[in-house]
Protein backbone atom coordinates (compact mmCIF):
# COMPACT_ATOMS: atom_id res chain seq x y z
CA MET A 1 45.78 53.02 -101.06
CA SER A 2 48.93 52.97 -99.06
CA SER A 3 51.65 50.40 -99.39
CA GLN A 4 51.70 49.69 -95.64
CA PRO A 5 50.24 46.41 -94.41
CA ALA A 6 46.93 46.43 -92.53
CA TYR A 7 48.74 45.35 -89.40
CA ALA A 8 52.13 46.20 -88.05
CA PRO A 9 54.15 43.28 -86.68
CA HIS A 10 55.25 43.89 -83.10
CA SER A 11 58.91 43.69 -82.28
CA PRO A 12 59.93 43.75 -78.61
CA ASP A 13 62.51 46.50 -79.04
CA SER A 14 60.71 48.68 -81.56
CA GLY A 15 60.43 51.55 -79.05
CA ALA A 16 63.97 51.21 -77.72
CA ALA A 17 66.47 53.88 -78.55
CA PRO A 18 69.40 52.81 -80.68
CA GLY A 19 72.24 51.65 -78.45
CA ALA A 20 70.01 51.26 -75.39
CA GLN A 21 70.63 48.14 -73.38
CA THR A 22 67.73 45.79 -72.84
CA GLY A 23 67.35 42.99 -70.28
CA PRO A 24 68.17 39.39 -71.08
CA ALA A 25 65.90 38.02 -73.77
CA VAL A 26 65.42 34.67 -72.06
CA GLN A 27 65.31 34.24 -68.31
CA ALA A 28 67.63 31.57 -66.96
CA ARG A 29 65.72 28.35 -66.33
CA ARG A 30 65.93 26.95 -62.83
CA THR A 31 66.76 23.28 -62.58
CA LEU A 32 64.56 20.80 -60.78
CA ASN A 33 65.95 19.42 -57.54
CA MET A 34 66.19 15.62 -57.81
CA PRO A 35 65.90 14.74 -54.08
CA ALA A 36 62.66 16.75 -54.01
CA LEU A 37 61.30 14.80 -56.98
CA PHE A 38 62.34 11.45 -55.51
CA SER A 39 60.81 12.47 -52.18
CA LEU A 40 57.48 12.90 -53.92
CA ILE A 41 57.82 9.58 -55.75
CA THR A 42 58.76 7.61 -52.63
CA GLY A 43 56.00 9.35 -50.67
CA VAL A 44 53.43 8.22 -53.24
CA LEU A 45 54.89 4.69 -53.12
CA LEU A 46 54.57 4.77 -49.30
CA ILE A 47 58.28 4.34 -48.62
CA SER A 48 58.02 6.75 -45.71
CA PRO A 49 61.54 6.90 -44.23
CA VAL A 50 63.11 7.52 -47.63
CA ALA A 51 60.50 10.17 -48.50
CA ILE A 52 61.15 11.99 -45.21
CA VAL A 53 64.93 12.01 -45.59
CA LEU A 54 64.84 13.04 -49.25
CA GLY A 55 62.25 15.72 -48.51
CA HIS A 56 64.45 17.36 -45.89
CA ILE A 57 67.49 17.13 -48.17
CA GLY A 58 65.47 18.54 -51.06
CA ILE A 59 64.21 21.53 -49.08
CA ALA A 60 67.72 22.38 -47.92
CA GLN A 61 69.15 22.13 -51.43
CA VAL A 62 66.32 24.11 -53.02
CA ARG A 63 66.94 26.98 -50.60
CA ARG A 64 70.72 26.84 -50.92
CA ARG A 65 70.95 26.39 -54.70
CA ARG A 66 67.83 28.40 -55.63
CA GLN A 67 66.39 25.50 -57.61
CA SER A 68 62.78 24.64 -58.28
CA GLY A 69 61.01 21.79 -56.52
CA MET A 70 60.09 23.18 -53.11
CA VAL A 71 56.45 22.10 -53.52
CA LEU A 72 57.52 18.59 -54.53
CA ALA A 73 59.73 18.28 -51.46
CA VAL A 74 56.99 19.51 -49.12
CA ILE A 75 54.40 17.15 -50.61
CA GLY A 76 56.89 14.28 -50.32
CA LEU A 77 57.50 15.19 -46.67
CA VAL A 78 53.79 15.34 -45.90
CA LEU A 79 53.17 11.98 -47.58
CA GLY A 80 56.18 10.51 -45.79
CA TYR A 81 55.06 11.68 -42.35
CA LEU A 82 51.45 10.60 -43.00
CA GLY A 83 52.71 7.17 -44.07
CA LEU A 84 54.86 6.94 -40.96
CA ILE A 85 51.94 7.86 -38.70
CA ALA A 86 49.71 5.34 -40.47
CA THR A 87 52.34 2.61 -40.15
CA ILE A 88 52.76 3.27 -36.43
CA GLY A 89 48.99 3.28 -35.98
CA ILE A 90 48.63 -0.04 -37.81
CA LEU A 91 51.41 -1.60 -35.74
CA VAL A 92 49.83 -0.41 -32.47
CA ALA A 93 46.43 -1.75 -33.55
CA LEU A 94 48.00 -5.07 -34.56
CA VAL A 95 49.79 -5.44 -31.22
CA MET A 96 46.59 -4.59 -29.35
CA PHE A 97 44.64 -7.11 -31.41
CA VAL A 98 47.15 -9.90 -30.87
CA THR A 99 47.48 -9.30 -27.14
CA SER A 100 43.71 -8.95 -26.55
CA GLY A 101 42.92 -12.52 -27.55
CA PRO A 102 40.96 -14.85 -25.36
CA THR A 103 42.47 -15.14 -21.92
CA PRO A 104 42.82 -18.62 -20.44
CA GLN A 105 40.80 -19.36 -17.38
CA THR A 106 42.76 -19.42 -14.21
CA THR A 107 41.79 -21.80 -11.47
CA PHE A 108 43.06 -21.75 -7.97
């Protein structure tokens, strides 16, 4: 029997030549954009104007700073705009309901 183990543990640089440069061992972690996160939170809480503003700020910062959170900002924007449309629709329906009450009879 040989003295070698039945398995050989794998090391990432076992095939690398001595002195050869390898890439970074750990990739730099991208930070999460906070306005994008808060846009999502305020969109879920139906605070539409805040979600819309923070979503636009978040998208701009994610692109400029190369951060993560683009999906959060877009979802927050969508929820914000849907909430705004729903609010406007409810207000229009409420005004139509209030103004369409019984009309008084007019006599001449």
